[in-house]
Amino acid sequence: MSDNSGTEIEKVVNILLDVEKKIDSIKLGMDQKKQELLDAAKEAAEKAKEEALIDITKSRKKALDEIQNNAEKDANKILQKNNESIKDLQKRIDKKFQDALEKVSNKVLGE
């Protein structure tokens, strides 16, 4: 082999080594970007999960508050009706008692 051929082969080998280094560098960069994307996706998923849990908790609390308010309103309505019924009953009892007193008084007085 001539000196010139050896130099040419050496140049080609050096070029191939440079190409291999660039490919390795690109591969490393791609791996880093892939990991960054995975990390970003994981972070976004965690954030979405937290937001969903917050929304669910708020919705559940709102629903429970509404149920409690409705139950309190219903209970108050029932209590009002019961109080009215008790007043009506007391009036009837008082009337019957007065009627009974009149009848007893009339009997005692001989009327």
PDB file of N, CA and C in Angstrom:
ATOM      1  N   MET A   1       0.818  -1.162   0.000  1.00  0.00           N
ATOM      2  CA  MET A   1       0.000   0.000   0.000  1.00  0.00           C
ATOM      3  C   MET A   1       0.865   1.229   0.000  1.00  0.00           C
ATOM      4  N   SER A   2       0.342   2.180  -0.688  1.00  0.00           N
ATOM      5  CA  SER A   2       1.116   3.407  -0.745  1.00  0.00           C
ATOM      6  C   SER A   2       0.770   4.256   0.445  1.00  0.00           C
ATOM      7  N   ASP A   3       1.635   5.183   0.651  1.00  0.00           N
ATOM      8  CA  ASP A   3       1.471   6.113   1.764  1.00  0.00           C
ATOM      9  C   ASP A   3       0.176   6.901   1.616  1.00  0.00           C
ATOM     10  N   ASN A   4      -0.138   7.218   0.385  1.00  0.00           N
ATOM     11  CA  ASN A   4      -1.324   7.984   0.056  1.00  0.00           C
ATOM     12  C   ASN A   4      -2.583   7.181   0.389  1.00  0.00           C
ATOM     13  N   SER A   5      -2.602   5.877   0.113  1.00  0.00           N
ATOM     14  CA  SER A   5      -3.747   5.015   0.417  1.00  0.00           C
ATOM     15  C   SER A   5      -3.951   4.924   1.917  1.00  0.00           C
ATOM     16  N   GLY A   6      -2.889   4.784   2.644  1.00  0.00           N
ATOM     17  CA  GLY A   6      -2.979   4.691   4.105  1.00  0.00           C
ATOM     18  C   GLY A   6      -3.563   5.969   4.686  1.00  0.00           C
ATOM     19  N   THR A   7      -3.189   7.086   4.144  1.00  0.00           N
ATOM     20  CA  THR A   7      -3.702   8.370   4.616  1.00  0.00           C
ATOM     21  C   THR A   7      -5.190   8.486   4.292  1.00  0.00           C
ATOM     22  N   GLU A   8      -5.561   8.035   3.093  1.00  0.00           N
ATOM     23  CA  GLU A   8      -6.960   8.086   2.693  1.00  0.00           C
ATOM     24  C   GLU A   8      -7.817   7.197   3.599  1.00  0.00           C
ATOM     25  N   ILE A   9      -7.315   6.007   3.905  1.00  0.00           N
ATOM     26  CA  ILE A   9      -8.043   5.076   4.777  1.00  0.00           C
ATOM     27  C   ILE A   9      -8.166   5.678   6.170  1.00  0.00           C
ATOM     28  N   GLU A  10      -7.089   6.295   6.616  1.00  0.00           N
ATOM     29  CA  GLU A  10      -7.097   6.932   7.938  1.00  0.00           C
ATOM     30  C   GLU A  10      -8.120   8.063   7.978  1.00  0.00           C
ATOM     31  N   LYS A  11      -8.227   8.834   6.902  1.00  0.00           N
ATOM     32  CA  LYS A  11      -9.207   9.920   6.822  1.00  0.00           C
ATOM     33  C   LYS A  11     -10.633   9.365   6.884  1.00  0.00           C
ATOM     34  N   VAL A  12     -10.866   8.275   6.130  1.00  0.00           N
ATOM     35  CA  VAL A  12     -12.189   7.658   6.105  1.00  0.00           C
ATOM     36  C   VAL A  12     -12.549   7.135   7.497  1.00  0.00           C
ATOM     37  N   VAL A  13     -11.584   6.485   8.150  1.00  0.00           N
ATOM     38  CA  VAL A  13     -11.825   5.957   9.501  1.00  0.00           C
ATOM     39  C   VAL A  13     -12.145   7.102  10.449  1.00  0.00           C
ATOM     40  N   ASN A  14     -11.399   8.193  10.335  1.00  0.00           N
ATOM     41  CA  ASN A  14     -11.647   9.360  11.198  1.00  0.00           C
ATOM     42  C   ASN A  14     -13.032   9.958  10.935  1.00  0.00           C
ATOM     43  N   ILE A  15     -13.406  10.006   9.661  1.00  0.00           N
ATOM     44  CA  ILE A  15     -14.740  10.517   9.311  1.00  0.00           C
ATOM     45  C   ILE A  15     -15.812   9.611   9.912  1.00  0.00           C
ATOM     46  N   LEU A  16     -15.599   8.290   9.780  1.00  0.00           N
ATOM     47  CA  LEU A  16     -16.569   7.344  10.340  1.00  0.00           C
ATOM     48  C   LEU A  16     -16.656   7.470  11.859  1.00  0.00           C
ATOM     49  N   LEU A  17     -15.515   7.673  12.505  1.00  0.00           N
ATOM     50  CA  LEU A  17     -15.513   7.848  13.960  1.00  0.00           C
ATOM     51  C   LEU A  17     -16.274   9.121  14.352  1.00  0.00           C
ATOM     52  N   ASP A  18     -16.067  10.189  13.579  1.00  0.00           N
ATOM     53  CA  ASP A  18     -16.784  11.442  13.835  1.00  0.00           C
ATOM     54  C   ASP A  18     -18.291  11.252  13.652  1.00  0.00           C
ATOM     55  N   VAL A  19     -18.675  10.533  12.589  1.00  0.00           N
ATOM     56  CA  VAL A  19     -20.096  10.266  12.338  1.00  0.00           C
ATOM     57  C   VAL A  19     -20.678   9.453  13.490  1.00  0.00           C
ATOM     58  N   GLU A  20     -19.923   8.443  13.949  1.00  0.00           N
ATOM     59  CA  GLU A  20     -20.385   7.605  15.055  1.00  0.00           C
ATOM     60  C   GLU A  20     -20.559   8.441  16.322  1.00  0.00           C
ATOM     61  N   LYS A  21     -19.633   9.358  16.594  1.00  0.00           N
ATOM     62  CA  LYS A  21     -19.741  10.231  17.766  1.00  0.00           C
ATOM     63  C   LYS A  21     -20.979  11.116  17.649  1.00  0.00           C
ATOM     64  N   LYS A  22     -21.230  11.650  16.448  1.00  0.00           N
ATOM     65  CA  LYS A  22     -22.397  12.501  16.247  1.00  0.00           C
ATOM     66  C   LYS A  22     -23.687  11.715  16.433  1.00  0.00           C
ATOM     67  N   ILE A  23     -23.699  10.477  15.913  1.00  0.00           N
ATOM     68  CA  ILE A  23     -24.881   9.612  16.073  1.00  0.00           C
ATOM     69  C   ILE A  23     -25.118   9.319  17.549  1.00  0.00           C
ATOM     70  N   ASP A  24     -24.036   8.997  18.279  1.00  0.00           N
ATOM     71  CA  ASP A  24     -24.150   8.741  19.717  1.00  0.00           C
ATOM     72  C   ASP A  24     -24.665   9.983  20.450  1.00  0.00           C
ATOM     73  N   SER A  25     -24.156  11.143  20.038  1.00  0.00           N
ATOM     74  CA  SER A  25     -24.588  12.399  20.649  1.00  0.00           C
ATOM     75  C   SER A  25     -26.068  12.656  20.380  1.00  0.00           C
ATOM     76  N   ILE A  26     -26.489  12.414  19.140  1.00  0.00           N
ATOM     77  CA  ILE A  26     -27.900  12.595  18.779  1.00  0.00           C
ATOM     78  C   ILE A  26     -28.765  11.608  19.558  1.00  0.00           C
ATOM     79  N   LYS A  27     -28.298  10.354  19.663  1.00  0.00           N
ATOM     80  CA  LYS A  27     -29.044   9.334  20.393  1.00  0.00           C
ATOM     81  C   LYS A  27     -29.182   9.734  21.862  1.00  0.00           C
ATOM     82  N   LEU A  28     -28.110  10.229  22.453  1.00  0.00           N
ATOM     83  CA  LEU A  28     -28.138  10.666  23.847  1.00  0.00           C
ATOM     84  C   LEU A  28     -29.124  11.824  24.006  1.00  0.00           C
ATOM     85  N   GLY A  29     -29.076  12.773  23.081  1.00  0.00           N
ATOM     86  CA  GLY A  29     -30.009  13.903  23.111  1.00  0.00           C
ATOM     87  C   GLY A  29     -31.453  13.450  23.000  1.00  0.00           C
ATOM     88  N   MET A  30     -31.707  12.482  22.119  1.00  0.00           N
ATOM     89  CA  MET A  30     -33.057  11.946  21.949  1.00  0.00           C
ATOM     90  C   MET A  30     -33.524  11.253  23.222  1.00  0.00           C
ATOM     91  N   ASP A  31     -32.622  10.492  23.855  1.00  0.00           N
ATOM     92  CA  ASP A  31     -32.965   9.810  25.096  1.00  0.00           C
ATOM     93  C   ASP A  31     -33.300  10.829  26.189  1.00  0.00           C
ATOM     94  N   GLN A  32     -32.545  11.912  26.229  1.00  0.00           N
ATOM     95  CA  GLN A  32     -32.809  12.957  27.224  1.00  0.00           C
ATOM     96  C   GLN A  32     -34.158  13.626  26.961  1.00  0.00           C
ATOM     97  N   LYS A  33     -34.420  13.925  25.708  1.00  0.00           N
ATOM     98  CA  LYS A  33     -35.696  14.543  25.354  1.00  0.00           C
ATOM     99  C   LYS A  33     -36.864  13.601  25.662  1.00  0.00           C
ATOM    100  N   LYS A  34     -36.661  12.309  25.379  1.00  0.00           N
ATOM    101  CA  LYS A  34     -37.693  11.319  25.667  1.00  0.00           C
ATOM    102  C   LYS A  34     -37.989  11.298  27.168  1.00  0.00           C
ATOM    103  N   GLN A  35     -36.934  11.319  27.980  1.00  0.00           N
ATOM    104  CA  GLN A  35     -37.116  11.308  29.432  1.00  0.00           C
ATOM    105  C   GLN A  35     -37.813  12.589  29.898  1.00  0.00           C
ATOM    106  N   GLU A  36     -37.432  13.723  29.297  1.00  0.00           N
ATOM    107  CA  GLU A  36     -38.081  14.987  29.644  1.00  0.00           C
ATOM    108  C   GLU A  36     -39.571  14.939  29.312  1.00  0.00           C
ATOM    109  N   LEU A  37     -39.892  14.373  28.147  1.00  0.00           N
ATOM    110  CA  LEU A  37     -41.294  14.247  27.762  1.00  0.00           C
ATOM    111  C   LEU A  37     -42.054  13.328  28.719  1.00  0.00           C
ATOM    112  N   LEU A  38     -41.437  12.225  29.090  1.00  0.00           N
ATOM    113  CA  LEU A  38     -42.066  11.302  30.035  1.00  0.00           C
ATOM    114  C   LEU A  38     -42.290  11.974  31.384  1.00  0.00           C
ATOM    115  N   ASP A  39     -41.286  12.712  31.839  1.00  0.00           N
ATOM    116  CA  ASP A  39     -41.412  13.424  33.113  1.00  0.00           C
ATOM    117  C   ASP A  39     -42.514  14.476  33.047  1.00  0.00           C
ATOM    118  N   ALA A  40     -42.563  15.212  31.936  1.00  0.00           N
ATOM    119  CA  ALA A  40     -43.593  16.240  31.764  1.00  0.00           C
ATOM    120  C   ALA A  40     -44.982  15.602  31.718  1.00  0.00           C
ATOM    121  N   ALA A  41     -45.098  14.471  31.031  1.00  0.00           N
ATOM    122  CA  ALA A  41     -46.386  13.777  30.949  1.00  0.00           C
ATOM    123  C   ALA A  41     -46.810  13.271  32.329  1.00  0.00           C
ATOM    124  N   LYS A  42     -45.858  12.749  33.074  1.00  0.00           N
ATOM    125  CA  LYS A  42     -46.157  12.253  34.417  1.00  0.00           C
ATOM    126  C   LYS A  42     -46.606  13.405  35.315  1.00  0.00           C
ATOM    127  N   GLU A  43     -45.911  14.519  35.222  1.00  0.00           N
ATOM    128  CA  GLU A  43     -46.251  15.693  36.020  1.00  0.00           C
ATOM    129  C   GLU A  43     -47.644  16.212  35.649  1.00  0.00           C
ATOM    130  N   ALA A  44     -47.927  16.251  34.348  1.00  0.00           N
ATOM    131  CA  ALA A  44     -49.237  16.715  33.887  1.00  0.00           C
ATOM    132  C   ALA A  44     -50.338  15.769  34.365  1.00  0.00           C
ATOM    133  N   ALA A  45     -50.063  14.481  34.335  1.00  0.00           N
ATOM    134  CA  ALA A  45     -51.048  13.498  34.793  1.00  0.00           C
ATOM    135  C   ALA A  45     -51.316  13.659  36.292  1.00  0.00           C
ATOM    136  N   GLU A  46     -50.274  13.869  37.072  1.00  0.00           N
ATOM    137  CA  GLU A  46     -50.431  14.064  38.513  1.00  0.00           C
ATOM    138  C   GLU A  46     -51.241  15.334  38.799  1.00  0.00           C
ATOM    139  N   LYS A  47     -50.936  16.386  38.060  1.00  0.00           N
ATOM    140  CA  LYS A  47     -51.654  17.648  38.244  1.00  0.00           C
ATOM    141  C   LYS A  47     -53.126  17.476  37.881  1.00  0.00           C
ATOM    142  N   ALA A  48     -53.380  16.789  36.775  1.00  0.00           N
ATOM    143  CA  ALA A  48     -54.764  16.537  36.356  1.00  0.00           C
ATOM    144  C   ALA A  48     -55.500  15.697  37.395  1.00  0.00           C
ATOM    145  N   LYS A  49     -54.809  14.729  37.951  1.00  0.00           N
ATOM    146  CA  LYS A  49     -55.404  13.874  38.981  1.00  0.00           C
ATOM    147  C   LYS A  49     -55.760  14.703  40.211  1.00  0.00           C
ATOM    148  N   GLU A  50     -54.832  15.564  40.650  1.00  0.00           N
ATOM    149  CA  GLU A  50     -55.080  16.416  41.806  1.00  0.00           C
ATOM    150  C   GLU A  50     -56.261  17.355  41.551  1.00  0.00           C
ATOM    151  N   GLU A  51     -56.298  17.948  40.367  1.00  0.00           N
ATOM    152  CA  GLU A  51     -57.396  18.853  40.027  1.00  0.00           C
ATOM    153  C   GLU A  51     -58.724  18.108  39.997  1.00  0.00           C
ATOM    154  N   ALA A  52     -58.700  16.899  39.457  1.00  0.00           N
ATOM    155  CA  ALA A  52     -59.928  16.097  39.412  1.00  0.00           C
ATOM    156  C   ALA A  52     -60.401  15.766  40.828  1.00  0.00           C
ATOM    157  N   LEU A  53     -59.468  15.416  41.706  1.00  0.00           N
ATOM    158  CA  LEU A  53     -59.835  15.112  43.089  1.00  0.00           C
ATOM    159  C   LEU A  53     -60.404  16.346  43.784  1.00  0.00           C
ATOM    160  N   ILE A  54     -59.802  17.500  43.518  1.00  0.00           N
ATOM    161  CA  ILE A  54     -60.312  18.742  44.110  1.00  0.00           C
ATOM    162  C   ILE A  54     -61.721  19.014  43.612  1.00  0.00           C
ATOM    163  N   ASP A  55     -61.932  18.857  42.296  1.00  0.00           N
ATOM    164  CA  ASP A  55     -63.261  19.079  41.718  1.00  0.00           C
ATOM    165  C   ASP A  55     -64.284  18.106  42.291  1.00  0.00           C
ATOM    166  N   ILE A  56     -63.890  16.849  42.412  1.00  0.00           N
ATOM    167  CA  ILE A  56     -64.798  15.833  42.966  1.00  0.00           C
ATOM    168  C   ILE A  56     -65.145  16.167  44.412  1.00  0.00           C
ATOM    169  N   THR A  57     -64.132  16.573  45.175  1.00  0.00           N
ATOM    170  CA  THR A  57     -64.360  16.915  46.573  1.00  0.00           C
ATOM    171  C   THR A  57     -65.301  18.108  46.688  1.00  0.00           C
ATOM    172  N   LYS A  58     -65.078  19.122  45.850  1.00  0.00           N
ATOM    173  CA  LYS A  58     -65.955  20.301  45.867  1.00  0.00           C
ATOM    174  C   LYS A  58     -67.384  19.908  45.488  1.00  0.00           C
ATOM    175  N   SER A  59     -67.525  19.101  44.445  1.00  0.00           N
ATOM    176  CA  SER A  59     -68.852  18.670  43.999  1.00  0.00           C
ATOM    177  C   SER A  59     -69.561  17.868  45.075  1.00  0.00           C
ATOM    178  N   ARG A  60     -68.808  16.976  45.708  1.00  0.00           N
ATOM    179  CA  ARG A  60     -69.393  16.145  46.765  1.00  0.00           C
ATOM    180  C   ARG A  60     -69.835  17.015  47.943  1.00  0.00           C
ATOM    181  N   LYS A  61     -68.989  17.969  48.329  1.00  0.00           N
ATOM    182  CA  LYS A  61     -69.336  18.858  49.434  1.00  0.00           C
ATOM    183  C   LYS A  61     -70.563  19.686  49.089  1.00  0.00           C
ATOM    184  N   LYS A  62     -70.601  20.193  47.857  1.00  0.00           N
ATOM    185  CA  LYS A  62     -71.747  20.992  47.425  1.00  0.00           C
ATOM    186  C   LYS A  62     -73.020  20.151  47.473  1.00  0.00           C
ATOM    187  N   ALA A  63     -72.938  18.925  46.975  1.00  0.00           N
ATOM    188  CA  ALA A  63     -74.108  18.038  46.978  1.00  0.00           C
ATOM    189  C   ALA A  63     -74.545  17.723  48.406  1.00  0.00           C
ATOM    190  N   LEU A  64     -73.577  17.444  49.272  1.00  0.00           N
ATOM    191  CA  LEU A  64     -73.922  17.141  50.665  1.00  0.00           C
ATOM    192  C   LEU A  64     -74.533  18.353  51.356  1.00  0.00           C
ATOM    193  N   ASP A  65     -73.985  19.544  51.086  1.00  0.00           N
ATOM    194  CA  ASP A  65     -74.555  20.763  51.663  1.00  0.00           C
ATOM    195  C   ASP A  65     -75.986  20.972  51.190  1.00  0.00           C
ATOM    196  N   GLU A  66     -76.213  20.729  49.909  1.00  0.00           N
ATOM    197  CA  GLU A  66     -77.555  20.882  49.353  1.00  0.00           C
ATOM    198  C   GLU A  66     -78.521  19.881  49.981  1.00  0.00           C
ATOM    199  N   ILE A  67     -78.062  18.645  50.131  1.00  0.00           N
ATOM    200  CA  ILE A  67     -78.901  17.619  50.757  1.00  0.00           C
ATOM    201  C   ILE A  67     -79.222  18.010  52.197  1.00  0.00           C
ATOM    202  N   GLN A  68     -78.215  18.490  52.913  1.00  0.00           N
ATOM    203  CA  GLN A  68     -78.421  18.888  54.303  1.00  0.00           C
ATOM    204  C   GLN A  68     -79.398  20.068  54.382  1.00  0.00           C
ATOM    205  N   ASN A  69     -79.211  21.063  53.516  1.00  0.00           N
ATOM    206  CA  ASN A  69     -80.128  22.213  53.513  1.00  0.00           C
ATOM    207  C   ASN A  69     -81.556  21.786  53.220  1.00  0.00           C
ATOM    208  N   ASN A  70     -81.721  20.906  52.228  1.00  0.00           N
ATOM    209  CA  ASN A  70     -83.063  20.422  51.901  1.00  0.00           C
ATOM    210  C   ASN A  70     -83.664  19.633  53.058  1.00  0.00           C
ATOM    211  N   ALA A  71     -82.840  18.829  53.716  1.00  0.00           N
ATOM    212  CA  ALA A  71     -83.329  18.039  54.852  1.00  0.00           C
ATOM    213  C   ALA A  71     -83.748  18.967  55.997  1.00  0.00           C
ATOM    214  N   GLU A  72     -82.958  20.030  56.223  1.00  0.00           N
ATOM    215  CA  GLU A  72     -83.312  20.981  57.273  1.00  0.00           C
ATOM    216  C   GLU A  72     -84.608  21.712  56.933  1.00  0.00           C
ATOM    217  N   LYS A  73     -84.770  22.100  55.670  1.00  0.00           N
ATOM    218  CA  LYS A  73     -86.011  22.765  55.253  1.00  0.00           C
ATOM    219  C   LYS A  73     -87.203  21.831  55.448  1.00  0.00           C
ATOM    220  N   ASP A  74     -87.031  20.569  55.023  1.00  0.00           N
ATOM    221  CA  ASP A  74     -88.114  19.597  55.181  1.00  0.00           C
ATOM    222  C   ASP A  74     -88.440  19.382  56.661  1.00  0.00           C
ATOM    223  N   ALA A  75     -87.398  19.292  57.492  1.00  0.00           N
ATOM    224  CA  ALA A  75     -87.611  19.094  58.927  1.00  0.00           C
ATOM    225  C   ALA A  75     -88.341  20.294  59.523  1.00  0.00           C
ATOM    226  N   ASN A  76     -87.972  21.501  59.099  1.00  0.00           N
ATOM    227  CA  ASN A  76     -88.649  22.697  59.600  1.00  0.00           C
ATOM    228  C   ASN A  76     -90.114  22.727  59.178  1.00  0.00           C
ATOM    229  N   LYS A  77     -90.388  22.330  57.936  1.00  0.00           N
ATOM    230  CA  LYS A  77     -91.778  22.268  57.480  1.00  0.00           C
ATOM    231  C   LYS A  77     -92.584  21.278  58.322  1.00  0.00           C
ATOM    232  N   ILE A  78     -91.984  20.126  58.579  1.00  0.00           N
ATOM    233  CA  ILE A  78     -92.660  19.101  59.382  1.00  0.00           C
ATOM    234  C   ILE A  78     -92.908  19.618  60.799  1.00  0.00           C
ATOM    235  N   LEU A  79     -91.896  20.288  61.369  1.00  0.00           N
ATOM    236  CA  LEU A  79     -92.061  20.842  62.719  1.00  0.00           C
ATOM    237  C   LEU A  79     -93.167  21.902  62.748  1.00  0.00           C
ATOM    238  N   GLN A  80     -93.214  22.748  61.727  1.00  0.00           N
ATOM    239  CA  GLN A  80     -94.272  23.759  61.673  1.00  0.00           C
ATOM    240  C   GLN A  80     -95.653  23.109  61.592  1.00  0.00           C
ATOM    241  N   LYS A  81     -95.772  22.090  60.732  1.00  0.00           N
ATOM    242  CA  LYS A  81     -97.056  21.388  60.613  1.00  0.00           C
ATOM    243  C   LYS A  81     -97.431  20.736  61.948  1.00  0.00           C
ATOM    244  N   ASN A  82     -96.431  20.136  62.604  1.00  0.00           N
ATOM    245  CA  ASN A  82     -96.699  19.494  63.894  1.00  0.00           C
ATOM    246  C   ASN A  82     -97.122  20.528  64.931  1.00  0.00           C
ATOM    247  N   ASN A  83     -96.441  21.673  64.935  1.00  0.00           N
ATOM    248  CA  ASN A  83     -96.806  22.722  65.894  1.00  0.00           C
ATOM    249  C   ASN A  83     -98.227  23.218  65.637  1.00  0.00           C
ATOM    250  N   GLU A  84     -98.568  23.384  64.366  1.00  0.00           N
ATOM    251  CA  GLU A  84     -99.933  23.796  64.016  1.00  0.00           C
ATOM    252  C   GLU A  84    -100.939  22.737  64.447  1.00  0.00           C
ATOM    253  N   SER A  85    -100.597  21.488  64.217  1.00  0.00           N
ATOM    254  CA  SER A  85    -101.494  20.396  64.612  1.00  0.00           C
ATOM    255  C   SER A  85    -101.650  20.360  66.128  1.00  0.00           C
ATOM    256  N   ILE A  86    -100.567  20.591  66.847  1.00  0.00           N
ATOM    257  CA  ILE A  86    -100.619  20.597  68.316  1.00  0.00           C
ATOM    258  C   ILE A  86    -101.492  21.751  68.796  1.00  0.00           C
ATOM    259  N   LYS A  87    -101.342  22.930  68.171  1.00  0.00           N
ATOM    260  CA  LYS A  87    -102.170  24.081  68.546  1.00  0.00           C
ATOM    261  C   LYS A  87    -103.639  23.792  68.282  1.00  0.00           C
ATOM    262  N   ASP A  88    -103.931  23.222  67.113  1.00  0.00           N
ATOM    263  CA  ASP A  88    -105.317  22.870  66.786  1.00  0.00           C
ATOM    264  C   ASP A  88    -105.868  21.864  67.789  1.00  0.00           C
ATOM    265  N   LEU A  89    -105.063  20.874  68.107  1.00  0.00           N
ATOM    266  CA  LEU A  89    -105.496  19.863  69.076  1.00  0.00           C
ATOM    267  C   LEU A  89    -105.732  20.494  70.442  1.00  0.00           C
ATOM    268  N   GLN A  90    -104.831  21.393  70.851  1.00  0.00           N
ATOM    269  CA  GLN A  90    -104.985  22.058  72.142  1.00  0.00           C
ATOM    270  C   GLN A  90    -106.264  22.893  72.172  1.00  0.00           C
ATOM    271  N   LYS A  91    -106.580  23.559  71.052  1.00  0.00           N
ATOM    272  CA  LYS A  91    -107.822  24.340  70.972  1.00  0.00           C
ATOM    273  C   LYS A  91    -109.037  23.432  71.126  1.00  0.00           C
ATOM    274  N   ARG A  92    -108.996  22.271  70.453  1.00  0.00           N
ATOM    275  CA  ARG A  92    -110.123  21.335  70.554  1.00  0.00           C
ATOM    276  C   ARG A  92    -110.252  20.788  71.971  1.00  0.00           C
ATOM    277  N   ILE A  93    -109.088  20.501  72.586  1.00  0.00           N
ATOM    278  CA  ILE A  93    -109.106  19.999  73.969  1.00  0.00           C
ATOM    279  C   ILE A  93    -109.695  21.069  74.885  1.00  0.00           C
ATOM    280  N   ASP A  94    -109.223  22.320  74.706  1.00  0.00           N
ATOM    281  CA  ASP A  94    -109.738  23.418  75.536  1.00  0.00           C
ATOM    282  C   ASP A  94    -111.240  23.581  75.345  1.00  0.00           C
ATOM    283  N   LYS A  95    -111.722  23.483  74.095  1.00  0.00           N
ATOM    284  CA  LYS A  95    -113.155  23.618  73.814  1.00  0.00           C
ATOM    285  C   LYS A  95    -113.929  22.488  74.475  1.00  0.00           C
ATOM    286  N   LYS A  96    -113.422  21.264  74.330  1.00  0.00           N
ATOM    287  CA  LYS A  96    -114.105  20.118  74.949  1.00  0.00           C
ATOM    288  C   LYS A  96    -114.120  20.269  76.469  1.00  0.00           C
ATOM    289  N   PHE A  97    -113.005  20.775  77.009  1.00  0.00           N
ATOM    290  CA  PHE A  97    -112.916  20.964  78.456  1.00  0.00           C
ATOM    291  C   PHE A  97    -113.943  22.011  78.895  1.00  0.00           C
ATOM    292  N   GLN A  98    -114.058  23.105  78.144  1.00  0.00           N
ATOM    293  CA  GLN A  98    -115.040  24.145  78.459  1.00  0.00           C
ATOM    294  C   GLN A  98    -116.455  23.591  78.359  1.00  0.00           C
ATOM    295  N   ASP A  99    -116.705  22.801  77.306  1.00  0.00           N
ATOM    296  CA  ASP A  99    -118.027  22.184  77.149  1.00  0.00           C
ATOM    297  C   ASP A  99    -118.324  21.269  78.332  1.00  0.00           C
ATOM    298  N   ALA A 100    -117.316  20.503  78.724  1.00  0.00           N
ATOM    299  CA  ALA A 100    -117.508  19.590  79.860  1.00  0.00           C
ATOM    300  C   ALA A 100    -117.759  20.388  81.139  1.00  0.00           C
ATOM    301  N   LEU A 101    -117.025  21.480  81.339  1.00  0.00           N
ATOM    302  CA  LEU A 101    -117.229  22.311  82.533  1.00  0.00           C
ATOM    303  C   LEU A 101    -118.640  22.900  82.556  1.00  0.00           C
ATOM    304  N   GLU A 102    -119.100  23.326  81.400  1.00  0.00           N
ATOM    305  CA  GLU A 102    -120.458  23.878  81.296  1.00  0.00           C
ATOM    306  C   GLU A 102    -121.489  22.834  81.655  1.00  0.00           C
ATOM    307  N   LYS A 103    -121.304  21.621  81.119  1.00  0.00           N
ATOM    308  CA  LYS A 103    -122.259  20.556  81.384  1.00  0.00           C
ATOM    309  C   LYS A 103    -122.242  20.194  82.867  1.00  0.00           C
ATOM    310  N   VAL A 104    -121.050  20.126  83.435  1.00  0.00           N
ATOM    311  CA  VAL A 104    -120.964  19.792  84.877  1.00  0.00           C
ATOM    312  C   VAL A 104    -121.575  20.921  85.686  1.00  0.00           C
ATOM    313  N   SER A 105    -121.276  22.149  85.322  1.00  0.00           N
ATOM    314  CA  SER A 105    -121.842  23.293  86.044  1.00  0.00           C
ATOM    315  C   SER A 105    -123.357  23.293  85.944  1.00  0.00           C
ATOM    316  N   ASN A 106    -123.870  23.039  84.753  1.00  0.00           N
ATOM    317  CA  ASN A 106    -125.312  22.990  84.552  1.00  0.00           C
ATOM    318  C   ASN A 106    -125.950  21.868  85.388  1.00  0.00           C
ATOM    319  N   LYS A 107    -125.296  20.752  85.469  1.00  0.00           N
ATOM    320  CA  LYS A 107    -125.814  19.611  86.260  1.00  0.00           C
ATOM    321  C   LYS A 107    -125.814  19.956  87.732  1.00  0.00           C
ATOM    322  N   VAL A 108    -124.690  20.582  88.157  1.00  0.00           N
ATOM    323  CA  VAL A 108    -124.559  20.923  89.575  1.00  0.00           C
ATOM    324  C   VAL A 108    -125.569  22.004  89.927  1.00  0.00           C
ATOM    325  N   LEU A 109    -125.760  22.930  89.058  1.00  0.00           N
ATOM    326  CA  LEU A 109    -126.687  24.022  89.313  1.00  0.00           C
ATOM    327  C   LEU A 109    -128.129  23.616  89.016  1.00  0.00           C
ATOM    328  N   GLY A 110    -128.301  22.475  88.470  1.00  0.00           N
ATOM    329  CA  GLY A 110    -129.633  21.937  88.197  1.00  0.00           C
ATOM    330  C   GLY A 110    -130.265  22.555  86.965  1.00  0.00           C
ATOM    331  N   GLU A 111    -129.522  22.970  86.085  1.00  0.00           N
ATOM    332  CA  GLU A 111    -130.080  23.564  84.873  1.00  0.00           C
ATOM    333  C   GLU A 111    -130.281  22.564  83.807  1.00  0.00           C
TER     334      GLU A 111
END
